[in-house]
């Protein structure tokens, strides 16, 4: 069954089908994979922000995310780990067009990391 996307979404990331799919896969990943993806996501987002000159340094970007995190609720699946929460908060606060581009990179990254981990697992015999 094809998943339907509408403008009446419950979560902010469900507005973009690519981002929604990447977030679902990320949520279902193990803790180590989530951290790897979060760190890559922070790198991707900071590169986008700095290249767009909205912020002058990585510290400015993380500081802005921390300000947002202080005022938001803590009960979502990605709030359990600080690195993951920072990455998702940074993503959430990107402009929508930037978020869509980052979502494509994130989806590719999620697939690559999971595939690499599957290739590294010893075959069960």
PDB file of N, CA and C in Angstrom:
ATOM      1  N   UNK A   1       0.847  -1.177   0.000  1.00  0.00           N
ATOM      2  CA  UNK A   1       0.000   0.000   0.000  1.00  0.00           C
ATOM      3  C   UNK A   1       0.889   1.237   0.000  1.00  0.00           C
ATOM      4  N   UNK A   2       0.591   2.173  -0.847  1.00  0.00           N
ATOM      5  CA  UNK A   2       1.370   3.398  -0.929  1.00  0.00           C
ATOM      6  C   UNK A   2       0.965   4.333   0.210  1.00  0.00           C
ATOM      7  N   UNK A   3       1.992   4.896   0.869  1.00  0.00           N
ATOM      8  CA  UNK A   3       1.722   5.818   1.967  1.00  0.00           C
ATOM      9  C   UNK A   3       1.269   7.156   1.393  1.00  0.00           C
ATOM     10  N   UNK A   4       0.228   7.695   1.954  1.00  0.00           N
ATOM     11  CA  UNK A   4      -0.309   8.964   1.488  1.00  0.00           C
ATOM     12  C   UNK A   4       0.213  10.107   2.344  1.00  0.00           C
ATOM     13  N   UNK A   5       0.560  11.211   1.707  1.00  0.00           N
ATOM     14  CA  UNK A   5       1.004  12.401   2.418  1.00  0.00           C
ATOM     15  C   UNK A   5       0.017  13.513   2.145  1.00  0.00           C
ATOM     16  N   UNK A   6      -0.319  14.223   3.183  1.00  0.00           N
ATOM     17  CA  UNK A   6      -1.261  15.318   3.025  1.00  0.00           C
ATOM     18  C   UNK A   6      -0.745  16.533   3.779  1.00  0.00           C
ATOM     19  N   UNK A   7      -1.471  17.626   3.683  1.00  0.00           N
ATOM     20  CA  UNK A   7      -1.068  18.831   4.397  1.00  0.00           C
ATOM     21  C   UNK A   7      -1.458  18.753   5.866  1.00  0.00           C
ATOM     22  N   UNK A   8      -2.267  17.781   6.243  1.00  0.00           N
ATOM     23  CA  UNK A   8      -2.680  17.614   7.637  1.00  0.00           C
ATOM     24  C   UNK A   8      -1.787  16.586   8.321  1.00  0.00           C
ATOM     25  N   UNK A   9      -0.534  16.934   8.504  1.00  0.00           N
ATOM     26  CA  UNK A   9       0.411  16.012   9.106  1.00  0.00           C
ATOM     27  C   UNK A   9       0.535  16.275  10.590  1.00  0.00           C
ATOM     28  N   UNK A  10       0.868  15.227  11.295  1.00  0.00           N
ATOM     29  CA  UNK A  10       1.014  15.311  12.747  1.00  0.00           C
ATOM     30  C   UNK A  10       2.403  15.794  13.121  1.00  0.00           C
ATOM     31  N   UNK A  11       3.403  15.368  12.374  1.00  0.00           N
ATOM     32  CA  UNK A  11       4.782  15.727  12.679  1.00  0.00           C
ATOM     33  C   UNK A  11       5.337  16.639  11.583  1.00  0.00           C
ATOM     34  N   UNK A  12       6.210  17.551  11.975  1.00  0.00           N
ATOM     35  CA  UNK A  12       6.752  18.528  11.033  1.00  0.00           C
ATOM     36  C   UNK A  12       7.455  17.871   9.851  1.00  0.00           C
ATOM     37  N   UNK A  13       8.088  16.732  10.054  1.00  0.00           N
ATOM     38  CA  UNK A  13       8.849  16.112   8.969  1.00  0.00           C
ATOM     39  C   UNK A  13       7.995  15.271   8.032  1.00  0.00           C
ATOM     40  N   UNK A  14       6.735  15.064   8.349  1.00  0.00           N
ATOM     41  CA  UNK A  14       5.867  14.282   7.475  1.00  0.00           C
ATOM     42  C   UNK A  14       5.368  15.081   6.270  1.00  0.00           C
ATOM     43  N   UNK A  15       5.671  16.375   6.239  1.00  0.00           N
ATOM     44  CA  UNK A  15       5.267  17.196   5.091  1.00  0.00           C
ATOM     45  C   UNK A  15       6.081  16.873   3.851  1.00  0.00           C
ATOM     46  N   UNK A  16       7.256  16.285   4.043  1.00  0.00           N
ATOM     47  CA  UNK A  16       8.148  15.937   2.939  1.00  0.00           C
ATOM     48  C   UNK A  16       8.281  14.408   2.913  1.00  0.00           C
ATOM     49  N   UNK A  17       7.809  13.745   1.858  1.00  0.00           N
ATOM     50  CA  UNK A  17       7.848  12.277   1.815  1.00  0.00           C
ATOM     51  C   UNK A  17       9.255  11.694   1.961  1.00  0.00           C
ATOM     52  N   UNK A  18      10.259  12.338   1.368  1.00  0.00           N
ATOM     53  CA  UNK A  18      11.627  11.836   1.469  1.00  0.00           C
ATOM     54  C   UNK A  18      12.116  11.949   2.906  1.00  0.00           C
ATOM     55  N   UNK A  19      11.886  13.099   3.510  1.00  0.00           N
ATOM     56  CA  UNK A  19      12.302  13.315   4.890  1.00  0.00           C
ATOM     57  C   UNK A  19      11.552  12.386   5.831  1.00  0.00           C
ATOM     58  N   UNK A  20      10.276  12.210   5.608  1.00  0.00           N
ATOM     59  CA  UNK A  20       9.468  11.332   6.446  1.00  0.00           C
ATOM     60  C   UNK A  20       9.999   9.902   6.405  1.00  0.00           C
ATOM     61  N   UNK A  21      10.326   9.439   5.207  1.00  0.00           N
ATOM     62  CA  UNK A  21      10.854   8.091   5.053  1.00  0.00           C
ATOM     63  C   UNK A  21      12.217   7.949   5.732  1.00  0.00           C
ATOM     64  N   UNK A  22      13.080   8.944   5.568  1.00  0.00           N
ATOM     65  CA  UNK A  22      14.405   8.905   6.199  1.00  0.00           C
ATOM     66  C   UNK A  22      14.281   8.928   7.720  1.00  0.00           C
ATOM     67  N   UNK A  23      13.366   9.731   8.244  1.00  0.00           N
ATOM     68  CA  UNK A  23      13.168   9.814   9.691  1.00  0.00           C
ATOM     69  C   UNK A  23      12.623   8.499  10.236  1.00  0.00           C
ATOM     70  N   UNK A  24      11.725   7.862   9.491  1.00  0.00           N
ATOM     71  CA  UNK A  24      11.175   6.571   9.934  1.00  0.00           C
ATOM     72  C   UNK A  24      12.278   5.522  10.008  1.00  0.00           C
ATOM     73  N   UNK A  25      13.129   5.485   8.981  1.00  0.00           N
ATOM     74  CA  UNK A  25      14.237   4.541   8.973  1.00  0.00           C
ATOM     75  C   UNK A  25      15.204   4.848  10.105  1.00  0.00           C
ATOM     76  N   UNK A  26      15.482   6.121  10.321  1.00  0.00           N
ATOM     77  CA  UNK A  26      16.372   6.527  11.404  1.00  0.00           C
ATOM     78  C   UNK A  26      15.805   6.117  12.757  1.00  0.00           C
ATOM     79  N   UNK A  27      14.519   6.339  12.955  1.00  0.00           N
ATOM     80  CA  UNK A  27      13.869   5.979  14.218  1.00  0.00           C
ATOM     81  C   UNK A  27      13.984   4.480  14.489  1.00  0.00           C
ATOM     82  N   UNK A  28      13.885   3.665  13.454  1.00  0.00           N
ATOM     83  CA  UNK A  28      13.912   2.214  13.604  1.00  0.00           C
ATOM     84  C   UNK A  28      15.330   1.643  13.660  1.00  0.00           C
ATOM     85  N   UNK A  29      16.339   2.496  13.472  1.00  0.00           N
ATOM     86  CA  UNK A  29      17.732   2.052  13.496  1.00  0.00           C
ATOM     87  C   UNK A  29      18.215   1.875  14.934  1.00  0.00           C
ATOM     88  N   UNK A  30      19.309   1.134  15.072  1.00  0.00           N
ATOM     89  CA  UNK A  30      19.886   0.969  16.402  1.00  0.00           C
ATOM     90  C   UNK A  30      20.581   2.263  16.841  1.00  0.00           C
ATOM     91  N   UNK A  31      20.918   2.344  18.121  1.00  0.00           N
ATOM     92  CA  UNK A  31      21.482   3.565  18.700  1.00  0.00           C
ATOM     93  C   UNK A  31      22.765   4.005  17.999  1.00  0.00           C
ATOM     94  N   UNK A  32      23.648   3.068  17.728  1.00  0.00           N
ATOM     95  CA  UNK A  32      24.924   3.407  17.095  1.00  0.00           C
ATOM     96  C   UNK A  32      24.707   4.009  15.707  1.00  0.00           C
ATOM     97  N   UNK A  33      23.804   3.433  14.948  1.00  0.00           N
ATOM     98  CA  UNK A  33      23.489   3.948  13.612  1.00  0.00           C
ATOM     99  C   UNK A  33      22.883   5.339  13.712  1.00  0.00           C
ATOM    100  N   UNK A  34      21.994   5.538  14.673  1.00  0.00           N
ATOM    101  CA  UNK A  34      21.389   6.857  14.860  1.00  0.00           C
ATOM    102  C   UNK A  34      22.441   7.922  15.132  1.00  0.00           C
ATOM    103  N   UNK A  35      23.425   7.602  15.974  1.00  0.00           N
ATOM    104  CA  UNK A  35      24.473   8.565  16.296  1.00  0.00           C
ATOM    105  C   UNK A  35      25.319   8.876  15.064  1.00  0.00           C
ATOM    106  N   UNK A  36      25.687   7.841  14.297  1.00  0.00           N
ATOM    107  CA  UNK A  36      26.472   8.060  13.076  1.00  0.00           C
ATOM    108  C   UNK A  36      25.727   8.994  12.126  1.00  0.00           C
ATOM    109  N   UNK A  37      24.450   8.724  11.944  1.00  0.00           N
ATOM    110  CA  UNK A  37      23.651   9.531  11.032  1.00  0.00           C
ATOM    111  C   UNK A  37      23.489  10.941  11.574  1.00  0.00           C
ATOM    112  N   UNK A  38      23.282  11.071  12.887  1.00  0.00           N
ATOM    113  CA  UNK A  38      23.142  12.396  13.500  1.00  0.00           C
ATOM    114  C   UNK A  38      24.398  13.226  13.291  1.00  0.00           C
ATOM    115  N   UNK A  39      25.557  12.628  13.487  1.00  0.00           N
ATOM    116  CA  UNK A  39      26.815  13.362  13.294  1.00  0.00           C
ATOM    117  C   UNK A  39      26.985  13.788  11.836  1.00  0.00           C
ATOM    118  N   UNK A  40      26.656  12.889  10.906  1.00  0.00           N
ATOM    119  CA  UNK A  40      26.714  13.256   9.490  1.00  0.00           C
ATOM    120  C   UNK A  40      25.705  14.342   9.151  1.00  0.00           C
ATOM    121  N   UNK A  41      24.546  14.260   9.752  1.00  0.00           N
ATOM    122  CA  UNK A  41      23.501  15.250   9.523  1.00  0.00           C
ATOM    123  C   UNK A  41      23.937  16.628  10.024  1.00  0.00           C
ATOM    124  N   UNK A  42      24.536  16.670  11.201  1.00  0.00           N
ATOM    125  CA  UNK A  42      25.043  17.947  11.735  1.00  0.00           C
ATOM    126  C   UNK A  42      26.074  18.534  10.779  1.00  0.00           C
ATOM    127  N   UNK A  43      26.951  17.688  10.258  1.00  0.00           N
ATOM    128  CA  UNK A  43      27.979  18.147   9.314  1.00  0.00           C
ATOM    129  C   UNK A  43      27.329  18.720   8.052  1.00  0.00           C
ATOM    130  N   UNK A  44      26.367  18.004   7.496  1.00  0.00           N
ATOM    131  CA  UNK A  44      25.688  18.450   6.277  1.00  0.00           C
ATOM    132  C   UNK A  44      24.972  19.776   6.512  1.00  0.00           C
ATOM    133  N   UNK A  45      24.250  19.871   7.623  1.00  0.00           N
ATOM    134  CA  UNK A  45      23.479  21.086   7.914  1.00  0.00           C
ATOM    135  C   UNK A  45      24.406  22.269   8.127  1.00  0.00           C
ATOM    136  N   UNK A  46      25.466  22.082   8.897  1.00  0.00           N
ATOM    137  CA  UNK A  46      26.376  23.202   9.142  1.00  0.00           C
ATOM    138  C   UNK A  46      27.039  23.656   7.846  1.00  0.00           C
ATOM    139  N   UNK A  47      27.371  22.727   6.967  1.00  0.00           N
ATOM    140  CA  UNK A  47      27.946  23.109   5.681  1.00  0.00           C
ATOM    141  C   UNK A  47      26.956  23.937   4.866  1.00  0.00           C
ATOM    142  N   UNK A  48      25.682  23.558   4.887  1.00  0.00           N
ATOM    143  CA  UNK A  48      24.665  24.321   4.163  1.00  0.00           C
ATOM    144  C   UNK A  48      24.503  25.710   4.758  1.00  0.00           C
ATOM    145  N   UNK A  49      24.413  25.790   6.080  1.00  0.00           N
ATOM    146  CA  UNK A  49      24.220  27.082   6.738  1.00  0.00           C
ATOM    147  C   UNK A  49      25.399  28.006   6.520  1.00  0.00           C
ATOM    148  N   UNK A  50      26.595  27.489   6.681  1.00  0.00           N
ATOM    149  CA  UNK A  50      27.767  28.349   6.542  1.00  0.00           C
ATOM    150  C   UNK A  50      27.933  28.797   5.099  1.00  0.00           C
ATOM    151  N   UNK A  51      27.626  27.919   4.155  1.00  0.00           N
ATOM    152  CA  UNK A  51      27.731  28.311   2.751  1.00  0.00           C
ATOM    153  C   UNK A  51      26.668  29.343   2.383  1.00  0.00           C
ATOM    154  N   UNK A  52      25.544  29.308   3.086  1.00  0.00           N
ATOM    155  CA  UNK A  52      24.492  30.299   2.850  1.00  0.00           C
ATOM    156  C   UNK A  52      24.733  31.580   3.644  1.00  0.00           C
ATOM    157  N   UNK A  53      25.788  31.609   4.432  1.00  0.00           N
ATOM    158  CA  UNK A  53      26.202  32.731   5.283  1.00  0.00           C
ATOM    159  C   UNK A  53      25.125  33.211   6.261  1.00  0.00           C
ATOM    160  N   UNK A  54      24.215  32.340   6.646  1.00  0.00           N
ATOM    161  CA  UNK A  54      23.246  32.706   7.678  1.00  0.00           C
ATOM    162  C   UNK A  54      23.934  32.781   9.037  1.00  0.00           C
ATOM    163  N   UNK A  55      24.944  31.949   9.212  1.00  0.00           N
ATOM    164  CA  UNK A  55      25.720  31.929  10.443  1.00  0.00           C
ATOM    165  C   UNK A  55      27.194  32.016  10.070  1.00  0.00           C
ATOM    166  N   UNK A  56      27.992  32.495  10.993  1.00  0.00           N
ATOM    167  CA  UNK A  56      29.414  32.650  10.707  1.00  0.00           C
ATOM    168  C   UNK A  56      30.241  31.457  11.147  1.00  0.00           C
ATOM    169  N   UNK A  57      29.727  30.651  12.085  1.00  0.00           N
ATOM    170  CA  UNK A  57      30.506  29.518  12.568  1.00  0.00           C
ATOM    171  C   UNK A  57      29.584  28.384  13.006  1.00  0.00           C
ATOM    172  N   UNK A  58      30.171  27.224  13.183  1.00  0.00           N
ATOM    173  CA  UNK A  58      29.427  26.056  13.664  1.00  0.00           C
ATOM    174  C   UNK A  58      28.889  26.344  15.066  1.00  0.00           C
ATOM    175  N   UNK A  59      29.671  27.031  15.884  1.00  0.00           N
ATOM    176  CA  UNK A  59      29.239  27.357  17.248  1.00  0.00           C
ATOM    177  C   UNK A  59      27.956  28.186  17.240  1.00  0.00           C
ATOM    178  N   UNK A  60      27.844  29.134  16.302  1.00  0.00           N
ATOM    179  CA  UNK A  60      26.623  29.948  16.183  1.00  0.00           C
ATOM    180  C   UNK A  60      25.419  29.077  15.849  1.00  0.00           C
ATOM    181  N   UNK A  61      25.628  28.113  14.971  1.00  0.00           N
ATOM    182  CA  UNK A  61      24.542  27.225  14.552  1.00  0.00           C
ATOM    183  C   UNK A  61      24.080  26.361  15.726  1.00  0.00           C
ATOM    184  N   UNK A  62      25.034  25.746  16.415  1.00  0.00           N
ATOM    185  CA  UNK A  62      24.690  24.875  17.546  1.00  0.00           C
ATOM    186  C   UNK A  62      24.064  25.688  18.674  1.00  0.00           C
ATOM    187  N   UNK A  63      24.558  26.888  18.904  1.00  0.00           N
ATOM    188  CA  UNK A  63      23.989  27.753  19.938  1.00  0.00           C
ATOM    189  C   UNK A  63      22.525  28.082  19.631  1.00  0.00           C
ATOM    190  N   UNK A  64      22.230  28.370  18.374  1.00  0.00           N
ATOM    191  CA  UNK A  64      20.844  28.656  17.971  1.00  0.00           C
ATOM    192  C   UNK A  64      19.959  27.428  18.190  1.00  0.00           C
ATOM    193  N   UNK A  65      20.490  26.247  17.890  1.00  0.00           N
ATOM    194  CA  UNK A  65      19.729  25.013  18.105  1.00  0.00           C
ATOM    195  C   UNK A  65      19.483  24.780  19.590  1.00  0.00           C
ATOM    196  N   UNK A  66      20.483  25.046  20.408  1.00  0.00           N
ATOM    197  CA  UNK A  66      20.325  24.862  21.855  1.00  0.00           C
ATOM    198  C   UNK A  66      19.262  25.797  22.419  1.00  0.00           C
ATOM    199  N   UNK A  67      19.202  27.027  21.900  1.00  0.00           N
ATOM    200  CA  UNK A  67      18.165  27.959  22.343  1.00  0.00           C
ATOM    201  C   UNK A  67      16.775  27.413  22.046  1.00  0.00           C
ATOM    202  N   UNK A  68      16.611  26.829  20.879  1.00  0.00           N
ATOM    203  CA  UNK A  68      15.325  26.238  20.487  1.00  0.00           C
ATOM    204  C   UNK A  68      15.016  25.032  21.360  1.00  0.00           C
ATOM    205  N   UNK A  69      16.033  24.198  21.626  1.00  0.00           N
ATOM    206  CA  UNK A  69      15.815  22.973  22.396  1.00  0.00           C
ATOM    207  C   UNK A  69      15.378  23.268  23.826  1.00  0.00           C
ATOM    208  N   UNK A  70      15.818  24.393  24.378  1.00  0.00           N
ATOM    209  CA  UNK A  70      15.424  24.753  25.741  1.00  0.00           C
ATOM    210  C   UNK A  70      13.933  25.046  25.846  1.00  0.00           C
ATOM    211  N   UNK A  71      13.341  25.495  24.755  1.00  0.00           N
ATOM    212  CA  UNK A  71      11.928  25.888  24.787  1.00  0.00           C
ATOM    213  C   UNK A  71      10.984  24.831  24.220  1.00  0.00           C
ATOM    214  N   UNK A  72      11.530  23.711  23.741  1.00  0.00           N
ATOM    215  CA  UNK A  72      10.662  22.689  23.154  1.00  0.00           C
ATOM    216  C   UNK A  72      10.462  21.523  24.100  1.00  0.00           C
ATOM    217  N   UNK A  73       9.406  20.789  23.836  1.00  0.00           N
ATOM    218  CA  UNK A  73       9.088  19.632  24.681  1.00  0.00           C
ATOM    219  C   UNK A  73      10.110  18.524  24.497  1.00  0.00           C
ATOM    220  N   UNK A  74      10.180  17.664  25.480  1.00  0.00           N
ATOM    221  CA  UNK A  74      11.128  16.545  25.432  1.00  0.00           C
ATOM    222  C   UNK A  74      10.351  15.263  25.661  1.00  0.00           C
ATOM    223  N   UNK A  75       9.990  14.600  24.635  1.00  0.00           N
ATOM    224  CA  UNK A  75       9.269  13.351  24.768  1.00  0.00           C
ATOM    225  C   UNK A  75       9.208  12.618  23.454  1.00  0.00           C
ATOM    226  N   UNK A  76       9.900  13.172  22.463  1.00  0.00           N
ATOM    227  CA  UNK A  76       9.902  12.558  21.141  1.00  0.00           C
ATOM    228  C   UNK A  76      10.999  11.504  21.075  1.00  0.00           C
ATOM    229  N   UNK A  77      10.927  10.596  20.123  1.00  0.00           N
ATOM    230  CA  UNK A  77      11.877   9.499  20.025  1.00  0.00           C
ATOM    231  C   UNK A  77      13.307   9.984  19.887  1.00  0.00           C
ATOM    232  N   UNK A  78      13.513  11.139  19.286  1.00  0.00           N
ATOM    233  CA  UNK A  78      14.879  11.629  19.072  1.00  0.00           C
ATOM    234  C   UNK A  78      15.396  12.502  20.213  1.00  0.00           C
ATOM    235  N   UNK A  79      14.618  12.686  21.259  1.00  0.00           N
ATOM    236  CA  UNK A  79      15.052  13.486  22.413  1.00  0.00           C
ATOM    237  C   UNK A  79      15.905  12.690  23.398  1.00  0.00           C
ATOM    238  N   UNK A  80      15.980  11.387  23.223  1.00  0.00           N
ATOM    239  CA  UNK A  80      16.695  10.530  24.172  1.00  0.00           C
ATOM    240  C   UNK A  80      18.195  10.818  24.169  1.00  0.00           C
ATOM    241  N   UNK A  81      18.763  11.098  22.998  1.00  0.00           N
ATOM    242  CA  UNK A  81      20.191  11.355  22.881  1.00  0.00           C
ATOM    243  C   UNK A  81      20.431  12.808  22.474  1.00  0.00           C
ATOM    244  N   UNK A  82      21.366  13.465  23.136  1.00  0.00           N
ATOM    245  CA  UNK A  82      21.651  14.873  22.878  1.00  0.00           C
ATOM    246  C   UNK A  82      22.137  15.148  21.463  1.00  0.00           C
ATOM    247  N   UNK A  83      22.987  14.270  20.936  1.00  0.00           N
ATOM    248  CA  UNK A  83      23.509  14.462  19.578  1.00  0.00           C
ATOM    249  C   UNK A  83      22.389  14.338  18.554  1.00  0.00           C
ATOM    250  N   UNK A  84      21.573  13.324  18.734  1.00  0.00           N
ATOM    251  CA  UNK A  84      20.448  13.113  17.820  1.00  0.00           C
ATOM    252  C   UNK A  84      19.460  14.273  17.913  1.00  0.00           C
ATOM    253  N   UNK A  85      19.186  14.701  19.112  1.00  0.00           N
ATOM    254  CA  UNK A  85      18.246  15.815  19.305  1.00  0.00           C
ATOM    255  C   UNK A  85      18.772  17.086  18.651  1.00  0.00           C
ATOM    256  N   UNK A  86      20.071  17.353  18.797  1.00  0.00           N
ATOM    257  CA  UNK A  86      20.665  18.533  18.171  1.00  0.00           C
ATOM    258  C   UNK A  86      20.546  18.453  16.653  1.00  0.00           C
ATOM    259  N   UNK A  87      20.861  17.298  16.088  1.00  0.00           N
ATOM    260  CA  UNK A  87      20.794  17.126  14.637  1.00  0.00           C
ATOM    261  C   UNK A  87      19.382  17.345  14.113  1.00  0.00           C
ATOM    262  N   UNK A  88      18.403  16.760  14.780  1.00  0.00           N
ATOM    263  CA  UNK A  88      17.014  16.880  14.324  1.00  0.00           C
ATOM    264  C   UNK A  88      16.507  18.306  14.516  1.00  0.00           C
ATOM    265  N   UNK A  89      16.908  18.951  15.607  1.00  0.00           N
ATOM    266  CA  UNK A  89      16.508  20.345  15.833  1.00  0.00           C
ATOM    267  C   UNK A  89      17.096  21.253  14.767  1.00  0.00           C
ATOM    268  N   UNK A  90      18.364  21.040  14.436  1.00  0.00           N
ATOM    269  CA  UNK A  90      18.979  21.814  13.360  1.00  0.00           C
ATOM    270  C   UNK A  90      18.209  21.623  12.060  1.00  0.00           C
ATOM    271  N   UNK A  91      17.869  20.377  11.770  1.00  0.00           N
ATOM    272  CA  UNK A  91      17.125  20.072  10.552  1.00  0.00           C
ATOM    273  C   UNK A  91      15.756  20.745  10.562  1.00  0.00           C
ATOM    274  N   UNK A  92      15.087  20.669  11.673  1.00  0.00           N
ATOM    275  CA  UNK A  92      13.748  21.253  11.789  1.00  0.00           C
ATOM    276  C   UNK A  92      13.776  22.764  11.554  1.00  0.00           C
ATOM    277  N   UNK A  93      14.857  23.402  11.957  1.00  0.00           N
ATOM    278  CA  UNK A  93      14.929  24.857  11.850  1.00  0.00           C
ATOM    279  C   UNK A  93      15.506  25.358  10.537  1.00  0.00           C
ATOM    280  N   UNK A  94      15.825  24.456   9.629  1.00  0.00           N
ATOM    281  CA  UNK A  94      16.279  24.858   8.300  1.00  0.00           C
ATOM    282  C   UNK A  94      15.097  25.412   7.501  1.00  0.00           C
ATOM    283  N   UNK A  95      15.376  26.309   6.564  1.00  0.00           N
ATOM    284  CA  UNK A  95      14.313  26.712   5.635  1.00  0.00           C
ATOM    285  C   UNK A  95      13.813  25.486   4.883  1.00  0.00           C
ATOM    286  N   UNK A  96      12.553  25.489   4.502  1.00  0.00           N
ATOM    287  CA  UNK A  96      11.936  24.303   3.909  1.00  0.00           C
ATOM    288  C   UNK A  96      12.669  23.796   2.673  1.00  0.00           C
ATOM    289  N   UNK A  97      13.097  24.690   1.780  1.00  0.00           N
ATOM    290  CA  UNK A  97      13.799  24.230   0.580  1.00  0.00           C
ATOM    291  C   UNK A  97      15.162  23.621   0.920  1.00  0.00           C
ATOM    292  N   UNK A  98      15.848  24.203   1.897  1.00  0.00           N
ATOM    293  CA  UNK A  98      17.126  23.643   2.348  1.00  0.00           C
ATOM    294  C   UNK A  98      16.891  22.286   3.002  1.00  0.00           C
ATOM    295  N   UNK A  99      15.835  22.195   3.816  1.00  0.00           N
ATOM    296  CA  UNK A  99      15.496  20.942   4.496  1.00  0.00           C
ATOM    297  C   UNK A  99      15.240  19.829   3.481  1.00  0.00           C
ATOM    298  N   UNK A 100      14.586  20.159   2.390  1.00  0.00           N
ATOM    299  CA  UNK A 100      14.299  19.152   1.359  1.00  0.00           C
ATOM    300  C   UNK A 100      15.597  18.635   0.736  1.00  0.00           C
ATOM    301  N   UNK A 101      16.519  19.542   0.446  1.00  0.00           N
ATOM    302  CA  UNK A 101      17.806  19.131  -0.117  1.00  0.00           C
ATOM    303  C   UNK A 101      18.590  18.280   0.882  1.00  0.00           C
ATOM    304  N   UNK A 102      18.585  18.688   2.128  1.00  0.00           N
ATOM    305  CA  UNK A 102      19.278  17.938   3.175  1.00  0.00           C
ATOM    306  C   UNK A 102      18.614  16.578   3.363  1.00  0.00           C
ATOM    307  N   UNK A 103      17.292  16.527   3.247  1.00  0.00           N
ATOM    308  CA  UNK A 103      16.562  15.263   3.396  1.00  0.00           C
ATOM    309  C   UNK A 103      17.027  14.248   2.369  1.00  0.00           C
ATOM    310  N   UNK A 104      17.291  14.698   1.142  1.00  0.00           N
ATOM    311  CA  UNK A 104      17.787  13.785   0.108  1.00  0.00           C
ATOM    312  C   UNK A 104      19.155  13.230   0.499  1.00  0.00           C
ATOM    313  N   UNK A 105      20.021  14.104   0.989  1.00  0.00           N
ATOM    314  CA  UNK A 105      21.347  13.661   1.429  1.00  0.00           C
ATOM    315  C   UNK A 105      21.229  12.728   2.635  1.00  0.00           C
ATOM    316  N   UNK A 106      20.309  13.065   3.534  1.00  0.00           N
ATOM    317  CA  UNK A 106      20.108  12.255   4.735  1.00  0.00           C
ATOM    318  C   UNK A 106      19.616  10.860   4.360  1.00  0.00           C
ATOM    319  N   UNK A 107      18.658  10.786   3.457  1.00  0.00           N
ATOM    320  CA  UNK A 107      18.116   9.488   3.038  1.00  0.00           C
ATOM    321  C   UNK A 107      19.220   8.635   2.420  1.00  0.00           C
ATOM    322  N   UNK A 108      20.037   9.243   1.585  1.00  0.00           N
ATOM    323  CA  UNK A 108      21.150   8.526   0.967  1.00  0.00           C
ATOM    324  C   UNK A 108      22.120   8.042   2.046  1.00  0.00           C
ATOM    325  N   UNK A 109      22.399   8.898   3.004  1.00  0.00           N
ATOM    326  CA  UNK A 109      23.317   8.578   4.092  1.00  0.00           C
ATOM    327  C   UNK A 109      22.788   7.434   4.950  1.00  0.00           C
ATOM    328  N   UNK A 110      21.511   7.468   5.264  1.00  0.00           N
ATOM    329  CA  UNK A 110      20.887   6.408   6.067  1.00  0.00           C
ATOM    330  C   UNK A 110      21.055   5.061   5.370  1.00  0.00           C
ATOM    331  N   UNK A 111      20.754   5.017   4.090  1.00  0.00           N
ATOM    332  CA  UNK A 111      20.868   3.778   3.320  1.00  0.00           C
ATOM    333  C   UNK A 111      22.315   3.287   3.284  1.00  0.00           C
ATOM    334  N   UNK A 112      23.255   4.199   3.045  1.00  0.00           N
ATOM    335  CA  UNK A 112      24.674   3.818   2.976  1.00  0.00           C
ATOM    336  C   UNK A 112      25.164   3.236   4.298  1.00  0.00           C
ATOM    337  N   UNK A 113      24.831   3.881   5.411  1.00  0.00           N
ATOM    338  CA  UNK A 113      25.293   3.406   6.719  1.00  0.00           C
ATOM    339  C   UNK A 113      24.679   2.052   7.051  1.00  0.00           C
ATOM    340  N   UNK A 114      23.394   1.893   6.810  1.00  0.00           N
ATOM    341  CA  UNK A 114      22.733   0.618   7.108  1.00  0.00           C
ATOM    342  C   UNK A 114      23.296  -0.488   6.214  1.00  0.00           C
ATOM    343  N   UNK A 115      23.503  -0.198   4.927  1.00  0.00           N
ATOM    344  CA  UNK A 115      24.065  -1.195   4.016  1.00  0.00           C
ATOM    345  C   UNK A 115      25.474  -1.578   4.449  1.00  0.00           C
ATOM    346  N   UNK A 116      26.288  -0.605   4.840  1.00  0.00           N
ATOM    347  CA  UNK A 116      27.651  -0.884   5.288  1.00  0.00           C
ATOM    348  C   UNK A 116      27.635  -1.773   6.531  1.00  0.00           C
ATOM    349  N   UNK A 117      26.727  -1.480   7.463  1.00  0.00           N
ATOM    350  CA  UNK A 117      26.633  -2.292   8.674  1.00  0.00           C
ATOM    351  C   UNK A 117      26.191  -3.716   8.354  1.00  0.00           C
ATOM    352  N   UNK A 118      25.276  -3.864   7.410  1.00  0.00           N
ATOM    353  CA  UNK A 118      24.826  -5.198   7.022  1.00  0.00           C
ATOM    354  C   UNK A 118      25.961  -5.970   6.363  1.00  0.00           C
ATOM    355  N   UNK A 119      26.775  -5.283   5.559  1.00  0.00           N
ATOM    356  CA  UNK A 119      27.910  -5.937   4.903  1.00  0.00           C
ATOM    357  C   UNK A 119      28.981  -6.365   5.892  1.00  0.00           C
ATOM    358  N   UNK A 120      29.095  -5.642   7.017  1.00  0.00           N
ATOM    359  CA  UNK A 120      30.110  -5.941   8.021  1.00  0.00           C
ATOM    360  C   UNK A 120      29.689  -7.052   8.970  1.00  0.00           C
ATOM    361  N   UNK A 121      28.394  -7.367   9.042  1.00  0.00           N
ATOM    362  CA  UNK A 121      27.915  -8.415   9.940  1.00  0.00           C
ATOM    363  C   UNK A 121      28.384  -9.775   9.426  1.00  0.00           C
ATOM    364  N   UNK A 122      28.870 -10.624  10.345  1.00  0.00           N
ATOM    365  CA  UNK A 122      29.272 -11.968   9.904  1.00  0.00           C
ATOM    366  C   UNK A 122      28.052 -12.787   9.491  1.00  0.00           C
ATOM    367  N   UNK A 123      28.249 -13.607   8.482  1.00  0.00           N
ATOM    368  CA  UNK A 123      27.141 -14.466   8.023  1.00  0.00           C
ATOM    369  C   UNK A 123      26.814 -15.496   9.091  1.00  0.00           C
ATOM    370  N   UNK A 124      25.523 -15.643   9.341  1.00  0.00           N
ATOM    371  CA  UNK A 124      25.080 -16.660  10.308  1.00  0.00           C
ATOM    372  C   UNK A 124      24.923 -17.982   9.579  1.00  0.00           C
ATOM    373  N   UNK A 125      25.570 -19.003  10.097  1.00  0.00           N
ATOM    374  CA  UNK A 125      25.473 -20.307   9.440  1.00  0.00           C
ATOM    375  C   UNK A 125      24.974 -21.338  10.391  1.00  0.00           C
TER     376      UNK A 125
END
